[in-house]
N, C-alpha and C. Protein backbone atom coordinates (compact mmCIF):
# COMPACT_ATOMS: atom_id res chain seq x y z
N UNK A 1 -20.95 38.88 -19.63
CA UNK A 1 -20.19 40.07 -19.97
C UNK A 1 -19.51 40.59 -18.69
N UNK A 2 -18.25 40.91 -18.78
CA UNK A 2 -17.51 41.39 -17.62
C UNK A 2 -17.77 42.89 -17.41
N UNK A 3 -17.50 43.36 -16.21
CA UNK A 3 -17.79 44.75 -15.85
C UNK A 3 -17.06 45.74 -16.76
N UNK A 4 -15.83 45.46 -17.12
CA UNK A 4 -15.07 46.37 -17.98
C UNK A 4 -15.74 46.52 -19.35
N UNK A 5 -16.26 45.42 -19.87
CA UNK A 5 -16.94 45.47 -21.17
C UNK A 5 -18.25 46.25 -21.05
N UNK A 6 -18.98 46.08 -19.96
CA UNK A 6 -20.21 46.83 -19.75
C UNK A 6 -19.92 48.33 -19.66
N UNK A 7 -18.87 48.68 -18.94
CA UNK A 7 -18.48 50.07 -18.80
C UNK A 7 -18.11 50.67 -20.15
N UNK A 8 -17.36 49.92 -20.94
CA UNK A 8 -16.95 50.40 -22.26
C UNK A 8 -18.17 50.62 -23.16
N UNK A 9 -19.09 49.69 -23.15
CA UNK A 9 -20.30 49.83 -23.97
C UNK A 9 -21.14 51.02 -23.52
N UNK A 10 -21.25 51.20 -22.21
CA UNK A 10 -22.01 52.34 -21.69
C UNK A 10 -21.35 53.65 -22.09
N UNK A 11 -20.02 53.70 -22.06
CA UNK A 11 -19.30 54.90 -22.46
C UNK A 11 -19.52 55.20 -23.93
N UNK A 12 -19.47 54.19 -24.77
CA UNK A 12 -19.69 54.38 -26.21
C UNK A 12 -21.11 54.88 -26.45
N UNK A 13 -22.08 54.32 -25.75
CA UNK A 13 -23.46 54.77 -25.89
C UNK A 13 -23.61 56.22 -25.46
N UNK A 14 -22.98 56.59 -24.35
CA UNK A 14 -23.05 57.96 -23.87
C UNK A 14 -22.48 58.95 -24.86
N UNK A 15 -21.35 58.63 -25.44
CA UNK A 15 -20.74 59.51 -26.44
C UNK A 15 -21.62 59.59 -27.68
N UNK A 16 -22.21 58.47 -28.08
CA UNK A 16 -23.11 58.48 -29.24
C UNK A 16 -24.32 59.37 -28.99
N UNK A 17 -24.87 59.32 -27.77
CA UNK A 17 -26.01 60.18 -27.44
C UNK A 17 -25.59 61.65 -27.47
N UNK A 18 -24.41 61.95 -26.95
CA UNK A 18 -23.92 63.32 -26.96
C UNK A 18 -23.70 63.81 -28.39
N UNK A 19 -23.17 62.97 -29.23
CA UNK A 19 -22.96 63.34 -30.63
C UNK A 19 -24.29 63.58 -31.35
N UNK A 20 -25.29 62.75 -31.07
CA UNK A 20 -26.61 62.94 -31.69
C UNK A 20 -27.23 64.25 -31.24
N UNK A 21 -27.09 64.58 -29.98
CA UNK A 21 -27.62 65.85 -29.49
C UNK A 21 -26.90 67.01 -30.15
N UNK A 22 -25.61 66.91 -30.27
CA UNK A 22 -24.84 67.97 -30.94
C UNK A 22 -25.28 68.13 -32.38
N UNK A 23 -25.53 67.00 -33.07
CA UNK A 23 -25.98 67.05 -34.46
C UNK A 23 -27.34 67.75 -34.57
N UNK A 24 -28.25 67.40 -33.68
CA UNK A 24 -29.58 68.02 -33.71
C UNK A 24 -29.51 69.52 -33.43
N UNK A 25 -28.68 69.92 -32.47
CA UNK A 25 -28.55 71.34 -32.17
C UNK A 25 -27.95 72.10 -33.34
N UNK A 26 -26.94 71.54 -33.96
CA UNK A 26 -26.34 72.19 -35.13
C UNK A 26 -27.34 72.31 -36.27
N UNK A 27 -28.14 71.28 -36.44
CA UNK A 27 -29.14 71.27 -37.51
C UNK A 27 -30.13 72.41 -37.36
N UNK A 28 -30.49 72.73 -36.13
CA UNK A 28 -31.54 73.72 -35.88
C UNK A 28 -31.02 75.07 -35.39
N UNK A 29 -29.72 75.23 -35.27
CA UNK A 29 -29.15 76.48 -34.77
C UNK A 29 -29.28 77.58 -35.81
N UNK A 30 -29.76 78.75 -35.38
CA UNK A 30 -29.82 79.91 -36.26
C UNK A 30 -28.93 80.99 -35.68
N UNK A 31 -28.18 81.70 -36.51
CA UNK A 31 -27.19 82.65 -36.01
C UNK A 31 -27.76 83.87 -35.30
N UNK A 32 -29.04 84.15 -35.45
CA UNK A 32 -29.61 85.36 -34.84
C UNK A 32 -30.15 85.13 -33.44
N UNK A 33 -30.08 83.94 -32.94
CA UNK A 33 -30.70 83.61 -31.65
C UNK A 33 -29.67 83.59 -30.52
N UNK A 34 -29.01 84.72 -30.27
CA UNK A 34 -28.07 84.81 -29.16
C UNK A 34 -28.48 85.98 -28.28
N UNK A 35 -28.72 85.73 -27.01
CA UNK A 35 -29.14 86.76 -26.06
C UNK A 35 -27.94 87.60 -25.65
N UNK A 36 -28.21 88.73 -25.01
CA UNK A 36 -27.16 89.64 -24.56
C UNK A 36 -26.18 88.97 -23.60
N UNK A 37 -26.65 88.01 -22.82
CA UNK A 37 -25.77 87.33 -21.87
C UNK A 37 -25.01 86.16 -22.50
N UNK A 38 -25.18 85.96 -23.81
CA UNK A 38 -24.47 84.90 -24.51
C UNK A 38 -25.25 83.60 -24.62
N UNK A 39 -26.45 83.57 -24.05
CA UNK A 39 -27.28 82.38 -24.13
C UNK A 39 -27.71 82.15 -25.58
N UNK A 40 -27.57 80.92 -26.03
CA UNK A 40 -27.95 80.56 -27.39
C UNK A 40 -29.31 79.90 -27.33
N UNK A 41 -30.26 80.44 -28.10
CA UNK A 41 -31.59 79.86 -28.16
C UNK A 41 -31.68 78.98 -29.40
N UNK A 42 -32.03 77.73 -29.19
CA UNK A 42 -32.17 76.78 -30.29
C UNK A 42 -33.60 76.26 -30.26
N UNK A 43 -34.37 76.59 -31.29
CA UNK A 43 -35.75 76.13 -31.40
C UNK A 43 -35.72 74.80 -32.15
N UNK A 44 -35.95 73.73 -31.43
CA UNK A 44 -35.90 72.40 -32.02
C UNK A 44 -37.34 71.92 -32.22
N UNK A 45 -37.77 71.77 -33.47
CA UNK A 45 -39.15 71.36 -33.74
C UNK A 45 -39.37 69.87 -33.50
N UNK A 46 -40.63 69.50 -33.34
CA UNK A 46 -41.02 68.10 -33.22
C UNK A 46 -40.76 67.42 -34.56
N UNK A 47 -40.27 66.22 -34.65
CA UNK A 47 -40.06 65.24 -33.59
C UNK A 47 -38.68 65.31 -32.95
N UNK A 48 -37.78 66.14 -33.50
CA UNK A 48 -36.44 66.24 -32.92
C UNK A 48 -36.48 66.72 -31.47
N UNK A 49 -37.45 67.57 -31.14
CA UNK A 49 -37.56 68.08 -29.77
C UNK A 49 -37.80 66.95 -28.78
N UNK A 50 -38.55 65.95 -29.18
CA UNK A 50 -38.80 64.81 -28.30
C UNK A 50 -37.51 64.04 -28.03
N UNK A 51 -36.66 63.91 -29.03
CA UNK A 51 -35.38 63.23 -28.86
C UNK A 51 -34.48 64.05 -27.94
N UNK A 52 -34.43 65.36 -28.16
CA UNK A 52 -33.59 66.24 -27.34
C UNK A 52 -34.04 66.16 -25.88
N UNK A 53 -35.33 66.26 -25.64
CA UNK A 53 -35.83 66.20 -24.25
C UNK A 53 -35.50 64.87 -23.60
N UNK A 54 -35.69 63.79 -24.32
CA UNK A 54 -35.41 62.46 -23.75
C UNK A 54 -33.92 62.31 -23.41
N UNK A 55 -33.06 62.72 -24.31
CA UNK A 55 -31.62 62.62 -24.08
C UNK A 55 -31.21 63.48 -22.88
N UNK A 56 -31.73 64.70 -22.80
CA UNK A 56 -31.36 65.58 -21.69
C UNK A 56 -31.90 65.07 -20.36
N UNK A 57 -33.10 64.52 -20.35
CA UNK A 57 -33.65 63.98 -19.11
C UNK A 57 -32.85 62.78 -18.62
N UNK A 58 -32.48 61.89 -19.53
CA UNK A 58 -31.67 60.73 -19.16
C UNK A 58 -30.28 61.19 -18.69
N UNK A 59 -29.71 62.13 -19.42
CA UNK A 59 -28.38 62.64 -19.04
C UNK A 59 -28.42 63.29 -17.67
N UNK A 60 -29.46 64.06 -17.39
CA UNK A 60 -29.57 64.71 -16.08
C UNK A 60 -29.63 63.68 -14.96
N UNK A 61 -30.37 62.61 -15.19
CA UNK A 61 -30.42 61.53 -14.19
C UNK A 61 -29.06 60.87 -14.02
N UNK A 62 -28.41 60.58 -15.13
CA UNK A 62 -27.11 59.90 -15.08
C UNK A 62 -26.05 60.76 -14.41
N UNK A 63 -26.03 62.05 -14.69
CA UNK A 63 -25.00 62.94 -14.17
C UNK A 63 -25.37 63.52 -12.81
N UNK A 64 -26.60 63.29 -12.36
CA UNK A 64 -27.03 63.86 -11.09
C UNK A 64 -27.26 65.35 -11.15
N UNK A 65 -27.58 65.86 -12.34
CA UNK A 65 -27.81 67.30 -12.51
C UNK A 65 -29.13 67.70 -11.86
N UNK A 66 -29.14 68.85 -11.22
CA UNK A 66 -30.35 69.39 -10.61
C UNK A 66 -30.42 70.87 -10.89
N UNK A 67 -31.62 71.40 -10.91
CA UNK A 67 -31.82 72.83 -11.11
C UNK A 67 -33.12 73.26 -10.46
N UNK A 68 -33.36 74.54 -10.48
CA UNK A 68 -34.59 75.09 -9.90
C UNK A 68 -35.82 74.66 -10.70
N UNK A 69 -35.63 74.36 -11.98
CA UNK A 69 -36.73 73.97 -12.84
C UNK A 69 -36.26 72.84 -13.76
N UNK A 70 -37.19 72.27 -14.48
CA UNK A 70 -36.86 71.22 -15.45
C UNK A 70 -35.92 71.80 -16.51
N UNK A 71 -36.19 73.02 -16.95
CA UNK A 71 -35.35 73.65 -17.97
C UNK A 71 -33.92 73.84 -17.49
N UNK A 72 -33.75 74.29 -16.24
CA UNK A 72 -32.40 74.47 -15.70
C UNK A 72 -31.67 73.15 -15.58
N UNK A 73 -32.39 72.10 -15.19
CA UNK A 73 -31.79 70.77 -15.09
C UNK A 73 -31.34 70.30 -16.46
N UNK A 74 -32.18 70.51 -17.48
CA UNK A 74 -31.81 70.12 -18.84
C UNK A 74 -30.63 70.93 -19.36
N UNK A 75 -30.58 72.23 -19.01
CA UNK A 75 -29.45 73.06 -19.44
C UNK A 75 -28.14 72.56 -18.83
N UNK A 76 -28.18 72.18 -17.57
CA UNK A 76 -26.98 71.65 -16.91
C UNK A 76 -26.54 70.35 -17.58
N UNK A 77 -27.49 69.49 -17.89
CA UNK A 77 -27.17 68.23 -18.57
C UNK A 77 -26.61 68.51 -19.97
N UNK A 78 -27.17 69.51 -20.64
CA UNK A 78 -26.69 69.87 -21.97
C UNK A 78 -25.23 70.31 -21.94
N UNK A 79 -24.89 71.14 -20.97
CA UNK A 79 -23.49 71.59 -20.87
C UNK A 79 -22.55 70.40 -20.69
N UNK A 80 -22.94 69.46 -19.85
CA UNK A 80 -22.10 68.28 -19.62
C UNK A 80 -22.01 67.43 -20.88
N UNK A 81 -23.14 67.23 -21.56
CA UNK A 81 -23.12 66.44 -22.79
C UNK A 81 -22.26 67.08 -23.87
N UNK A 82 -22.34 68.40 -24.01
CA UNK A 82 -21.52 69.08 -25.02
C UNK A 82 -20.04 68.95 -24.70
N UNK A 83 -19.70 68.95 -23.41
CA UNK A 83 -18.31 68.74 -23.03
C UNK A 83 -17.86 67.33 -23.40
N UNK A 84 -18.74 66.35 -23.19
CA UNK A 84 -18.40 64.97 -23.56
C UNK A 84 -18.23 64.81 -25.05
N UNK A 85 -19.12 65.46 -25.82
CA UNK A 85 -19.08 65.31 -27.27
C UNK A 85 -17.89 66.04 -27.87
N UNK A 86 -17.45 67.10 -27.20
CA UNK A 86 -16.39 67.92 -27.77
C UNK A 86 -16.87 68.53 -29.07
N UNK A 87 -16.25 69.57 -29.50
CA UNK A 87 -16.60 70.17 -30.76
C UNK A 87 -15.49 71.09 -31.20
N UNK A 88 -15.55 71.51 -32.43
CA UNK A 88 -14.51 72.36 -33.00
C UNK A 88 -14.50 73.71 -32.29
N UNK A 89 -13.32 74.30 -32.15
CA UNK A 89 -13.19 75.60 -31.50
C UNK A 89 -13.99 76.67 -32.23
N UNK A 90 -14.16 76.53 -33.53
CA UNK A 90 -14.89 77.51 -34.32
C UNK A 90 -16.38 77.27 -34.38
N UNK A 91 -16.86 76.25 -33.69
CA UNK A 91 -18.28 75.91 -33.71
C UNK A 91 -19.13 76.99 -33.08
N UNK A 92 -20.30 77.22 -33.64
CA UNK A 92 -21.23 78.17 -33.04
C UNK A 92 -21.74 77.65 -31.71
N UNK A 93 -21.59 76.36 -31.45
CA UNK A 93 -21.98 75.80 -30.16
C UNK A 93 -20.93 76.09 -29.09
N UNK A 94 -19.80 76.68 -29.47
CA UNK A 94 -18.76 77.02 -28.52
C UNK A 94 -19.31 77.92 -27.42
N UNK A 95 -20.25 78.80 -27.76
CA UNK A 95 -20.84 79.70 -26.77
C UNK A 95 -21.46 78.91 -25.62
N UNK A 96 -22.06 77.78 -25.93
CA UNK A 96 -22.75 77.00 -24.90
C UNK A 96 -21.79 76.42 -23.89
N UNK A 97 -20.61 76.02 -24.31
CA UNK A 97 -19.68 75.38 -23.39
C UNK A 97 -18.84 76.38 -22.63
N UNK A 98 -18.83 77.63 -23.06
CA UNK A 98 -17.98 78.62 -22.41
C UNK A 98 -18.68 79.34 -21.27
N UNK A 99 -19.75 78.74 -20.75
CA UNK A 99 -20.40 79.32 -19.59
C UNK A 99 -21.84 79.69 -19.84
N UNK A 100 -22.18 80.01 -21.08
CA UNK A 100 -23.58 80.32 -21.39
C UNK A 100 -24.28 79.01 -21.71
N UNK A 101 -25.53 78.95 -21.44
CA UNK A 101 -26.29 77.72 -21.69
C UNK A 101 -26.91 77.76 -23.07
N UNK A 102 -26.83 76.65 -23.79
CA UNK A 102 -27.59 76.53 -25.02
C UNK A 102 -28.96 76.05 -24.59
N UNK A 103 -29.92 76.90 -24.77
CA UNK A 103 -31.25 76.57 -24.27
C UNK A 103 -32.23 76.52 -25.42
N UNK A 104 -33.38 76.09 -25.12
CA UNK A 104 -34.40 76.06 -26.16
C UNK A 104 -35.76 75.88 -25.56
N UNK A 105 -36.77 76.22 -26.34
CA UNK A 105 -38.11 75.93 -25.88
C UNK A 105 -38.30 74.42 -26.02
N UNK A 106 -38.28 73.71 -24.92
CA UNK A 106 -38.24 72.25 -24.97
C UNK A 106 -39.60 71.65 -25.22
N UNK A 107 -40.56 72.50 -25.55
CA UNK A 107 -41.86 71.96 -25.92
C UNK A 107 -41.77 71.33 -27.29
N UNK A 108 -42.68 70.48 -27.60
CA UNK A 108 -42.68 69.82 -28.89
C UNK A 108 -43.56 70.60 -29.82
N UNK A 109 -42.97 71.54 -30.56
CA UNK A 109 -43.82 72.36 -31.39
C UNK A 109 -43.19 72.86 -32.59
């Protein structure tokens, strides 16, 4: 396999992971979970929480995201993934990409 084909496949996989994360967040998003600073809280139950954590951890490594805590690192990766996935201007996830972080209790519960 040539390098260009590997790059293309990796890009397709990355977009697919971003789309899956967006789907999971939309599935579990509730309209009442918005903090005063615009932060969106998404409570993702197990087993979806395990998928979200794994995707965010891999994305953080791939993008070189760092934060003061694991949660901050995952939030930074989430913002980047949502930008890659793109979404409708009217999406409730729009808040997350406009500067506020879409966060969640990343525990599996």
